[in-house]
N, C-alpha and C. Protein backbone atom coordinates (compact mmCIF):
# COMPACT_ATOMS: atom_id res chain seq x y z
N UNK A 1 0.84 -1.20 0.00
CA UNK A 1 0.00 0.00 0.00
C UNK A 1 0.88 1.25 0.00
N UNK A 2 0.50 2.22 -0.77
CA UNK A 2 1.19 3.51 -0.79
C UNK A 2 0.80 4.26 0.47
N UNK A 3 1.77 4.44 1.37
CA UNK A 3 1.46 5.06 2.67
C UNK A 3 1.07 6.52 2.54
N UNK A 4 1.32 7.16 1.41
CA UNK A 4 0.92 8.56 1.24
C UNK A 4 -0.51 8.66 0.75
N UNK A 5 -1.08 7.57 0.25
CA UNK A 5 -2.42 7.62 -0.31
C UNK A 5 -3.46 8.02 0.72
N UNK A 6 -3.22 7.73 1.99
CA UNK A 6 -4.16 8.07 3.04
C UNK A 6 -4.37 9.56 3.21
N UNK A 7 -3.43 10.36 2.74
CA UNK A 7 -3.56 11.81 2.89
C UNK A 7 -4.51 12.38 1.87
N UNK A 8 -4.78 11.64 0.79
CA UNK A 8 -5.71 12.14 -0.21
C UNK A 8 -7.10 12.20 0.40
N UNK A 9 -7.81 13.24 0.14
CA UNK A 9 -9.16 13.36 0.66
C UNK A 9 -9.22 13.78 2.11
N UNK A 10 -8.11 14.23 2.67
CA UNK A 10 -8.17 14.68 4.06
C UNK A 10 -8.59 16.15 4.08
N UNK A 11 -9.20 16.55 5.17
CA UNK A 11 -9.62 17.93 5.34
C UNK A 11 -8.64 18.62 6.28
N UNK A 12 -8.56 19.92 6.19
CA UNK A 12 -7.57 20.67 6.96
C UNK A 12 -8.24 21.84 7.67
N UNK A 13 -7.88 22.06 8.92
CA UNK A 13 -8.26 23.26 9.66
C UNK A 13 -6.97 24.01 9.93
N UNK A 14 -7.00 25.34 9.89
CA UNK A 14 -5.77 26.11 10.04
C UNK A 14 -5.84 27.10 11.18
N UNK A 15 -4.68 27.60 11.55
CA UNK A 15 -4.55 28.70 12.49
C UNK A 15 -3.92 29.84 11.70
N UNK A 16 -3.88 31.02 12.26
CA UNK A 16 -3.30 32.15 11.53
C UNK A 16 -1.80 32.25 11.73
N UNK A 17 -1.19 31.21 12.30
CA UNK A 17 0.25 31.21 12.50
C UNK A 17 0.95 30.82 11.20
N UNK A 18 1.58 31.76 10.56
CA UNK A 18 2.30 31.45 9.33
C UNK A 18 3.63 30.79 9.64
N UNK A 19 4.22 30.16 8.61
CA UNK A 19 5.52 29.53 8.79
C UNK A 19 6.20 29.39 7.44
N UNK A 20 7.50 29.26 7.47
CA UNK A 20 8.28 29.00 6.27
C UNK A 20 8.63 27.52 6.27
N UNK A 21 8.26 26.84 5.20
CA UNK A 21 8.43 25.40 5.09
C UNK A 21 9.90 25.06 4.87
N UNK A 22 10.42 24.16 5.69
CA UNK A 22 11.82 23.75 5.54
C UNK A 22 12.01 22.81 4.35
N UNK A 23 10.92 22.27 3.81
CA UNK A 23 11.02 21.37 2.66
C UNK A 23 11.07 22.12 1.33
N UNK A 24 10.17 23.09 1.16
CA UNK A 24 10.06 23.77 -0.13
C UNK A 24 10.51 25.23 -0.07
N UNK A 25 10.73 25.76 1.14
CA UNK A 25 11.17 27.14 1.29
C UNK A 25 10.08 28.17 1.17
N UNK A 26 8.86 27.74 0.86
CA UNK A 26 7.74 28.67 0.69
C UNK A 26 7.22 29.13 2.05
N UNK A 27 6.75 30.38 2.08
CA UNK A 27 6.08 30.87 3.28
C UNK A 27 4.59 30.57 3.14
N UNK A 28 4.05 29.91 4.12
CA UNK A 28 2.62 29.59 4.13
C UNK A 28 1.98 30.48 5.20
N UNK A 29 0.91 31.15 4.82
CA UNK A 29 0.27 32.13 5.70
C UNK A 29 -0.42 31.48 6.90
N UNK A 30 -0.77 30.21 6.77
CA UNK A 30 -1.49 29.55 7.86
C UNK A 30 -0.84 28.22 8.18
N UNK A 31 -0.86 27.87 9.45
CA UNK A 31 -0.36 26.59 9.92
C UNK A 31 -1.56 25.69 10.18
N UNK A 32 -1.73 24.61 9.41
CA UNK A 32 -2.86 23.71 9.67
C UNK A 32 -2.78 23.14 11.09
N UNK A 33 -3.91 23.15 11.78
CA UNK A 33 -3.97 22.62 13.15
C UNK A 33 -4.82 21.36 13.23
N UNK A 34 -5.27 20.86 12.08
CA UNK A 34 -6.03 19.62 12.06
C UNK A 34 -6.02 19.03 10.65
N UNK A 35 -5.99 17.72 10.61
CA UNK A 35 -6.17 16.97 9.37
C UNK A 35 -7.22 15.91 9.65
N UNK A 36 -8.08 15.67 8.67
CA UNK A 36 -9.11 14.66 8.84
C UNK A 36 -9.25 13.82 7.59
N UNK A 37 -9.72 12.62 7.77
CA UNK A 37 -9.85 11.66 6.69
C UNK A 37 -11.33 11.41 6.39
N UNK A 38 -11.65 11.31 5.12
CA UNK A 38 -13.05 11.18 4.68
C UNK A 38 -13.63 9.81 4.95
N UNK A 39 -12.79 8.78 5.09
CA UNK A 39 -13.29 7.42 5.25
C UNK A 39 -12.27 6.59 6.02
N UNK A 40 -12.75 5.52 6.67
CA UNK A 40 -11.80 4.61 7.31
C UNK A 40 -10.95 3.89 6.25
N UNK A 41 -9.82 3.37 6.66
CA UNK A 41 -8.92 2.71 5.72
C UNK A 41 -9.57 1.56 4.97
N UNK A 42 -10.51 0.87 5.57
CA UNK A 42 -11.14 -0.27 4.91
C UNK A 42 -12.17 0.11 3.84
N UNK A 43 -12.56 1.37 3.79
CA UNK A 43 -13.57 1.80 2.83
C UNK A 43 -13.00 1.73 1.41
N UNK A 44 -13.85 1.27 0.50
CA UNK A 44 -13.50 1.20 -0.91
C UNK A 44 -14.68 1.77 -1.70
N UNK A 45 -14.41 2.46 -2.78
CA UNK A 45 -15.50 3.07 -3.56
C UNK A 45 -16.47 2.03 -4.10
N UNK A 46 -16.08 0.77 -4.17
CA UNK A 46 -17.00 -0.28 -4.63
C UNK A 46 -18.17 -0.48 -3.66
N UNK A 47 -18.04 0.04 -2.42
CA UNK A 47 -19.13 -0.07 -1.44
C UNK A 47 -20.21 0.99 -1.65
N UNK A 48 -19.90 2.04 -2.40
CA UNK A 48 -20.86 3.13 -2.62
C UNK A 48 -22.12 2.60 -3.29
N UNK A 49 -23.27 3.04 -2.77
CA UNK A 49 -24.54 2.67 -3.36
C UNK A 49 -25.06 1.30 -2.94
N UNK A 50 -24.30 0.56 -2.19
CA UNK A 50 -24.75 -0.76 -1.73
C UNK A 50 -25.70 -0.58 -0.55
N UNK A 51 -26.70 -1.41 -0.47
CA UNK A 51 -27.68 -1.30 0.62
C UNK A 51 -27.09 -1.72 1.97
N UNK A 52 -25.99 -2.45 1.96
CA UNK A 52 -25.39 -2.91 3.21
C UNK A 52 -24.19 -2.06 3.64
N UNK A 53 -23.99 -0.93 2.96
CA UNK A 53 -22.85 -0.07 3.27
C UNK A 53 -23.26 1.38 3.27
N UNK A 54 -22.57 2.18 4.08
CA UNK A 54 -22.90 3.60 4.24
C UNK A 54 -21.62 4.35 4.56
N UNK A 55 -21.46 5.53 3.97
CA UNK A 55 -20.38 6.43 4.37
C UNK A 55 -20.96 7.83 4.44
N UNK A 56 -20.98 8.40 5.65
CA UNK A 56 -21.37 9.80 5.84
C UNK A 56 -20.15 10.51 6.42
N UNK A 57 -20.31 11.76 6.75
CA UNK A 57 -19.18 12.49 7.32
C UNK A 57 -18.86 12.05 8.75
N UNK A 58 -19.77 11.32 9.38
CA UNK A 58 -19.60 10.92 10.78
C UNK A 58 -19.61 9.42 11.03
N UNK A 59 -20.28 8.67 10.16
CA UNK A 59 -20.47 7.24 10.40
C UNK A 59 -20.21 6.45 9.13
N UNK A 60 -19.82 5.18 9.33
CA UNK A 60 -19.56 4.31 8.19
C UNK A 60 -19.93 2.88 8.56
N UNK A 61 -20.55 2.19 7.62
CA UNK A 61 -20.85 0.77 7.75
C UNK A 61 -20.35 0.11 6.47
N UNK A 62 -19.65 -0.99 6.61
CA UNK A 62 -19.16 -1.73 5.45
C UNK A 62 -19.76 -3.13 5.47
N UNK A 63 -20.62 -3.39 4.50
CA UNK A 63 -21.25 -4.68 4.27
C UNK A 63 -21.91 -5.25 5.53
N UNK A 64 -22.52 -4.37 6.33
CA UNK A 64 -23.17 -4.78 7.58
C UNK A 64 -22.28 -5.65 8.46
N UNK A 65 -20.95 -5.46 8.33
CA UNK A 65 -20.02 -6.26 9.12
C UNK A 65 -18.99 -5.43 9.87
N UNK A 66 -18.73 -4.23 9.41
CA UNK A 66 -17.74 -3.37 10.06
C UNK A 66 -18.38 -2.01 10.28
N UNK A 67 -18.18 -1.44 11.46
CA UNK A 67 -18.88 -0.23 11.89
C UNK A 67 -17.86 0.79 12.40
N UNK A 68 -18.02 2.04 11.97
CA UNK A 68 -17.04 3.08 12.29
C UNK A 68 -17.73 4.39 12.64
N UNK A 69 -17.06 5.16 13.49
CA UNK A 69 -17.48 6.52 13.83
C UNK A 69 -16.23 7.39 13.71
N UNK A 70 -16.43 8.61 13.21
CA UNK A 70 -15.32 9.55 13.09
C UNK A 70 -15.19 10.36 14.37
N UNK A 71 -13.97 10.52 14.82
CA UNK A 71 -13.71 11.29 16.03
C UNK A 71 -12.39 12.04 15.91
N UNK A 72 -12.02 12.71 16.98
CA UNK A 72 -10.80 13.52 16.98
C UNK A 72 -9.80 13.02 18.01
N UNK A 73 -8.58 12.80 17.55
CA UNK A 73 -7.46 12.62 18.47
C UNK A 73 -6.92 14.03 18.68
N UNK A 74 -7.08 14.56 19.87
CA UNK A 74 -6.65 15.92 20.17
C UNK A 74 -5.32 15.87 20.92
N UNK A 75 -4.39 16.70 20.45
CA UNK A 75 -3.05 16.75 21.04
C UNK A 75 -2.78 18.18 21.49
N UNK A 76 -2.58 18.39 22.78
CA UNK A 76 -2.30 19.75 23.24
C UNK A 76 -0.99 20.27 22.66
N UNK A 77 -0.99 21.54 22.28
CA UNK A 77 0.22 22.20 21.80
C UNK A 77 0.76 22.98 22.99
N UNK A 78 1.86 22.50 23.54
CA UNK A 78 2.31 22.96 24.86
C UNK A 78 2.81 24.40 24.89
N UNK A 79 3.28 24.93 23.77
CA UNK A 79 3.75 26.32 23.79
C UNK A 79 2.75 27.26 23.13
N UNK A 80 1.48 26.89 23.21
CA UNK A 80 0.39 27.75 22.73
C UNK A 80 -0.89 27.35 23.44
N UNK A 81 -1.97 28.06 23.17
CA UNK A 81 -3.25 27.70 23.76
C UNK A 81 -4.09 26.88 22.79
N UNK A 82 -3.45 26.30 21.78
CA UNK A 82 -4.17 25.57 20.75
C UNK A 82 -4.05 24.07 20.93
N UNK A 83 -4.84 23.36 20.12
CA UNK A 83 -4.83 21.91 20.08
C UNK A 83 -4.64 21.50 18.63
N UNK A 84 -3.80 20.51 18.40
CA UNK A 84 -3.67 19.92 17.08
C UNK A 84 -4.56 18.68 17.08
N UNK A 85 -5.29 18.44 15.99
CA UNK A 85 -6.23 17.32 15.97
C UNK A 85 -6.11 16.50 14.69
N UNK A 86 -6.27 15.21 14.86
CA UNK A 86 -6.39 14.27 13.76
C UNK A 86 -7.84 13.82 13.71
N UNK A 87 -8.54 14.02 12.59
CA UNK A 87 -9.90 13.51 12.39
C UNK A 87 -9.80 12.10 11.86
N UNK A 88 -10.05 11.12 12.71
CA UNK A 88 -9.80 9.71 12.40
C UNK A 88 -11.06 8.88 12.57
N UNK A 89 -10.98 7.66 12.11
CA UNK A 89 -12.09 6.71 12.21
C UNK A 89 -11.75 5.63 13.22
N UNK A 90 -12.77 5.26 14.01
CA UNK A 90 -12.63 4.22 15.02
C UNK A 90 -13.66 3.15 14.72
N UNK A 91 -13.22 1.89 14.69
CA UNK A 91 -14.18 0.80 14.50
C UNK A 91 -14.79 0.45 15.85
N UNK A 92 -16.08 0.19 15.82
CA UNK A 92 -16.82 -0.17 17.03
C UNK A 92 -17.47 -1.53 16.82
N UNK A 93 -17.80 -2.18 17.90
CA UNK A 93 -18.59 -3.40 17.79
C UNK A 93 -19.97 -3.03 17.26
N UNK A 94 -20.68 -4.00 16.72
CA UNK A 94 -22.03 -3.76 16.21
C UNK A 94 -22.91 -3.16 17.32
N UNK A 95 -22.82 -3.72 18.52
CA UNK A 95 -23.64 -3.25 19.64
C UNK A 95 -23.31 -1.80 19.99
N UNK A 96 -22.03 -1.46 20.10
CA UNK A 96 -21.66 -0.09 20.44
C UNK A 96 -22.00 0.88 19.31
N UNK A 97 -21.84 0.45 18.07
CA UNK A 97 -22.20 1.32 16.95
C UNK A 97 -23.70 1.61 16.97
N UNK A 98 -24.49 0.59 17.18
CA UNK A 98 -25.95 0.79 17.21
C UNK A 98 -26.35 1.73 18.34
N UNK A 99 -25.72 1.58 19.50
CA UNK A 99 -26.03 2.47 20.62
C UNK A 99 -25.61 3.90 20.28
N UNK A 100 -24.42 4.07 19.72
CA UNK A 100 -23.96 5.41 19.34
C UNK A 100 -24.90 6.04 18.32
N UNK A 101 -25.35 5.26 17.35
CA UNK A 101 -26.28 5.77 16.32
C UNK A 101 -27.63 6.11 16.94
N UNK A 102 -28.06 5.32 17.90
CA UNK A 102 -29.35 5.53 18.57
C UNK A 102 -29.39 6.86 19.31
N UNK A 103 -28.27 7.25 19.93
CA UNK A 103 -28.24 8.49 20.72
C UNK A 103 -27.54 9.63 19.99
N UNK A 104 -27.24 9.45 18.69
CA UNK A 104 -26.44 10.42 17.94
C UNK A 104 -26.99 11.84 18.03
N UNK A 105 -28.30 12.01 17.95
CA UNK A 105 -28.92 13.33 18.00
C UNK A 105 -29.54 13.65 19.37
N UNK A 106 -29.33 12.79 20.34
CA UNK A 106 -29.92 12.99 21.67
C UNK A 106 -29.08 13.97 22.49
N UNK A 107 -29.73 14.95 23.12
CA UNK A 107 -28.99 15.94 23.92
C UNK A 107 -28.14 15.31 25.03
N UNK A 108 -28.54 14.16 25.53
CA UNK A 108 -27.80 13.53 26.63
C UNK A 108 -26.70 12.58 26.15
N UNK A 109 -26.38 12.62 24.86
CA UNK A 109 -25.37 11.67 24.36
C UNK A 109 -24.00 11.88 25.01
N UNK A 110 -23.73 13.08 25.49
CA UNK A 110 -22.45 13.31 26.15
C UNK A 110 -22.35 12.61 27.51
N UNK A 111 -23.46 12.03 27.96
CA UNK A 111 -23.48 11.27 29.22
C UNK A 111 -23.13 9.80 29.01
N UNK A 112 -23.01 9.37 27.75
CA UNK A 112 -22.71 7.98 27.43
C UNK A 112 -21.33 7.58 27.95
N UNK A 113 -21.21 6.35 28.42
CA UNK A 113 -19.86 5.88 28.74
C UNK A 113 -19.07 5.74 27.44
N UNK A 114 -17.74 5.77 27.51
CA UNK A 114 -16.96 5.63 26.28
C UNK A 114 -17.16 4.26 25.64
N UNK A 115 -16.99 4.23 24.32
CA UNK A 115 -17.10 2.99 23.55
C UNK A 115 -15.69 2.52 23.19
N UNK A 116 -15.38 1.26 23.48
CA UNK A 116 -14.09 0.72 23.08
C UNK A 116 -14.07 0.56 21.56
N UNK A 117 -12.91 0.84 20.97
CA UNK A 117 -12.77 0.65 19.52
C UNK A 117 -11.32 0.53 19.12
N UNK A 118 -11.12 0.35 17.82
CA UNK A 118 -9.79 0.22 17.23
C UNK A 118 -9.60 1.35 16.23
N UNK A 119 -8.46 2.03 16.31
CA UNK A 119 -8.17 3.09 15.36
C UNK A 119 -8.12 2.48 13.96
N UNK A 120 -8.85 3.09 13.03
CA UNK A 120 -8.99 2.56 11.67
C UNK A 120 -8.52 3.54 10.62
N UNK A 121 -7.56 4.36 11.00
CA UNK A 121 -6.94 5.33 10.10
C UNK A 121 -5.43 5.20 10.27
N UNK A 122 -4.75 5.02 9.15
CA UNK A 122 -3.29 4.95 9.19
C UNK A 122 -2.73 6.36 9.04
N UNK A 123 -2.00 6.81 10.04
CA UNK A 123 -1.32 8.10 10.00
C UNK A 123 0.13 7.79 9.63
N UNK A 124 0.45 7.98 8.36
CA UNK A 124 1.71 7.49 7.79
C UNK A 124 2.96 8.12 8.39
N UNK A 125 2.82 9.24 9.08
CA UNK A 125 4.03 9.86 9.64
C UNK A 125 4.48 9.19 10.93
N UNK A 126 3.69 8.26 11.46
CA UNK A 126 4.05 7.58 12.70
C UNK A 126 4.55 6.17 12.41
N UNK A 127 5.49 5.75 13.22
CA UNK A 127 5.96 4.37 13.16
C UNK A 127 6.15 3.91 14.60
N UNK A 128 5.63 2.75 14.93
CA UNK A 128 4.94 1.80 14.09
C UNK A 128 3.56 2.30 13.66
N UNK A 129 2.87 1.46 12.88
CA UNK A 129 1.58 1.81 12.31
C UNK A 129 0.57 2.22 13.38
N UNK A 130 -0.37 3.08 12.99
CA UNK A 130 -1.41 3.53 13.92
C UNK A 130 -2.68 2.69 13.80
N UNK A 131 -2.88 2.01 12.69
CA UNK A 131 -4.08 1.20 12.53
C UNK A 131 -4.11 0.13 13.62
N UNK A 132 -5.28 -0.01 14.21
CA UNK A 132 -5.55 -1.00 15.25
C UNK A 132 -5.00 -0.65 16.62
N UNK A 133 -4.64 0.62 16.85
CA UNK A 133 -4.36 1.03 18.22
C UNK A 133 -5.67 0.99 19.00
N UNK A 134 -5.61 0.60 20.26
CA UNK A 134 -6.80 0.54 21.10
C UNK A 134 -7.23 1.96 21.48
N UNK A 135 -8.56 2.18 21.45
CA UNK A 135 -9.11 3.50 21.76
C UNK A 135 -10.34 3.40 22.65
N UNK A 136 -10.69 4.53 23.22
CA UNK A 136 -12.01 4.74 23.81
C UNK A 136 -12.58 5.96 23.12
N UNK A 137 -13.79 5.83 22.59
CA UNK A 137 -14.47 6.90 21.88
C UNK A 137 -15.46 7.55 22.84
N UNK A 138 -15.26 8.84 23.13
CA UNK A 138 -16.11 9.58 24.06
C UNK A 138 -17.02 10.50 23.26
N UNK A 139 -18.33 10.25 23.33
CA UNK A 139 -19.25 11.15 22.64
C UNK A 139 -19.33 12.47 23.41
N UNK A 140 -19.59 13.52 22.67
CA UNK A 140 -19.72 14.85 23.26
C UNK A 140 -21.08 15.41 22.85
N UNK A 141 -21.29 16.66 23.12
CA UNK A 141 -22.56 17.31 22.78
C UNK A 141 -22.87 17.14 21.30
N UNK A 142 -24.17 17.14 20.98
CA UNK A 142 -24.60 17.03 19.60
C UNK A 142 -23.93 18.12 18.78
N UNK A 143 -23.41 17.74 17.62
CA UNK A 143 -22.71 18.68 16.76
C UNK A 143 -21.21 18.69 16.95
N UNK A 144 -20.72 18.08 18.02
CA UNK A 144 -19.28 17.99 18.27
C UNK A 144 -18.80 16.58 17.96
N UNK A 145 -17.68 16.48 17.28
CA UNK A 145 -17.11 15.17 17.01
C UNK A 145 -16.69 14.50 18.31
N UNK A 146 -16.86 13.18 18.38
CA UNK A 146 -16.40 12.47 19.57
C UNK A 146 -14.89 12.63 19.77
N UNK A 147 -14.47 12.49 21.01
CA UNK A 147 -13.07 12.54 21.39
C UNK A 147 -12.52 11.12 21.38
N UNK A 148 -11.39 10.91 20.71
CA UNK A 148 -10.74 9.60 20.65
C UNK A 148 -9.58 9.60 21.64
N UNK A 149 -9.71 8.77 22.65
CA UNK A 149 -8.67 8.61 23.66
C UNK A 149 -7.89 7.34 23.33
N UNK A 150 -6.61 7.48 23.09
CA UNK A 150 -5.77 6.32 22.80
C UNK A 150 -5.38 5.62 24.09
N UNK A 151 -5.25 4.31 24.01
CA UNK A 151 -4.74 3.57 25.15
C UNK A 151 -3.35 4.12 25.50
N UNK A 152 -3.07 4.34 26.78
CA UNK A 152 -1.78 4.94 27.16
C UNK A 152 -0.62 3.96 27.02
N UNK A 153 -0.11 3.86 25.80
CA UNK A 153 1.02 2.97 25.51
C UNK A 153 2.25 3.82 25.20
N UNK A 154 3.31 3.17 24.75
CA UNK A 154 4.52 3.91 24.35
C UNK A 154 4.52 4.23 22.86
N UNK A 155 3.39 3.99 22.17
CA UNK A 155 3.31 4.37 20.76
C UNK A 155 3.48 5.89 20.67
N UNK A 156 4.27 6.39 19.71
CA UNK A 156 4.51 7.85 19.63
C UNK A 156 3.24 8.70 19.58
N UNK A 157 2.21 8.24 18.90
CA UNK A 157 0.96 9.01 18.84
C UNK A 157 0.31 9.08 20.22
N UNK A 158 0.28 7.96 20.93
CA UNK A 158 -0.30 7.94 22.28
C UNK A 158 0.51 8.82 23.23
N UNK A 159 1.82 8.80 23.10
CA UNK A 159 2.68 9.63 23.94
C UNK A 159 2.39 11.10 23.66
N UNK A 160 2.29 11.46 22.37
CA UNK A 160 1.99 12.86 22.03
C UNK A 160 0.63 13.29 22.59
N UNK A 161 -0.36 12.41 22.54
CA UNK A 161 -1.67 12.78 23.09
C UNK A 161 -1.58 13.03 24.59
N UNK A 162 -0.79 12.26 25.28
CA UNK A 162 -0.65 12.41 26.74
C UNK A 162 0.20 13.61 27.14
N UNK A 163 1.30 13.82 26.42
CA UNK A 163 2.28 14.81 26.87
C UNK A 163 2.23 16.13 26.11
N UNK A 164 1.59 16.14 24.94
CA UNK A 164 1.52 17.34 24.13
C UNK A 164 2.70 17.44 23.18
N UNK A 165 2.60 18.40 22.26
CA UNK A 165 3.65 18.64 21.27
C UNK A 165 3.92 20.13 21.18
N UNK A 166 5.07 20.47 20.64
CA UNK A 166 5.43 21.87 20.45
C UNK A 166 4.92 22.37 19.11
N UNK A 167 4.92 23.68 18.91
CA UNK A 167 4.57 24.25 17.61
C UNK A 167 5.57 23.78 16.55
N UNK A 168 6.83 23.58 16.93
CA UNK A 168 7.80 23.04 15.98
C UNK A 168 7.39 21.65 15.51
N UNK A 169 6.87 20.83 16.41
CA UNK A 169 6.40 19.50 16.03
C UNK A 169 5.19 19.62 15.10
N UNK A 170 4.28 20.56 15.37
CA UNK A 170 3.14 20.77 14.47
C UNK A 170 3.67 21.11 13.08
N UNK A 171 4.64 22.02 13.00
CA UNK A 171 5.22 22.37 11.69
C UNK A 171 5.81 21.15 11.01
N UNK A 172 6.50 20.30 11.76
CA UNK A 172 7.10 19.09 11.19
C UNK A 172 6.03 18.14 10.67
N UNK A 173 4.93 18.01 11.41
CA UNK A 173 3.81 17.17 10.96
C UNK A 173 3.24 17.73 9.67
N UNK A 174 2.99 19.04 9.65
CA UNK A 174 2.41 19.69 8.47
C UNK A 174 3.32 19.50 7.26
N UNK A 175 4.61 19.68 7.44
CA UNK A 175 5.54 19.50 6.33
C UNK A 175 5.53 18.05 5.84
N UNK A 176 5.48 17.11 6.76
CA UNK A 176 5.46 15.70 6.37
C UNK A 176 4.19 15.36 5.60
N UNK A 177 3.05 15.90 6.04
CA UNK A 177 1.79 15.65 5.34
C UNK A 177 1.80 16.36 3.99
N UNK A 178 2.17 17.62 4.00
CA UNK A 178 2.14 18.44 2.78
C UNK A 178 3.08 17.88 1.70
N UNK A 179 4.18 17.30 2.10
CA UNK A 179 5.17 16.84 1.14
C UNK A 179 5.29 15.31 1.11
N UNK A 180 4.25 14.61 1.56
CA UNK A 180 4.26 13.14 1.57
C UNK A 180 4.46 12.63 0.14
N UNK A 181 5.31 11.66 0.02
CA UNK A 181 5.53 11.02 -1.27
C UNK A 181 6.54 11.71 -2.16
N UNK A 182 7.03 12.88 -1.74
CA UNK A 182 8.03 13.57 -2.54
C UNK A 182 9.42 13.06 -2.17
N UNK A 183 10.26 12.97 -3.15
CA UNK A 183 11.66 12.64 -2.87
C UNK A 183 12.35 13.90 -2.40
N UNK A 184 12.94 13.82 -1.23
CA UNK A 184 13.64 15.01 -0.71
C UNK A 184 15.09 14.75 -0.56
């Protein structure tokens, strides 16, 4: 699999912090503070239009066998008041997915206990792989993406979520994403 392919179709949120890219030398007026993926890694366009599959901006079902919800891995930026976020997909059991869907528009959904799941988005800048890291998905108020809490392991992504990252690390992430697949 082309590890850069996962960046295609991702969405970006920015801050007004400009920076000069160490890869291309260009000055960029905004520093992206979030990247998100349109579908879980297992999604394939052949599932589109099938009665047993669904892909929305928040939920995904594949052949009535795999169930996903989109959430945010939030990473505190320690030398600012901002948060860097990855918009990722988490697979849930059928039972947990049905419960999450049942309360999706309910005002009290933020009272739900977290749902155990597996990270279903490969973030190619991390090694080892991020797919199948253990998570807890915490629903929040209606209209807010759920919070994805990674199991507290020594995986670099889990460490960053626990300890935070610097603005320099955000710039390094942005450069790696922006220039993925380029020979440098």
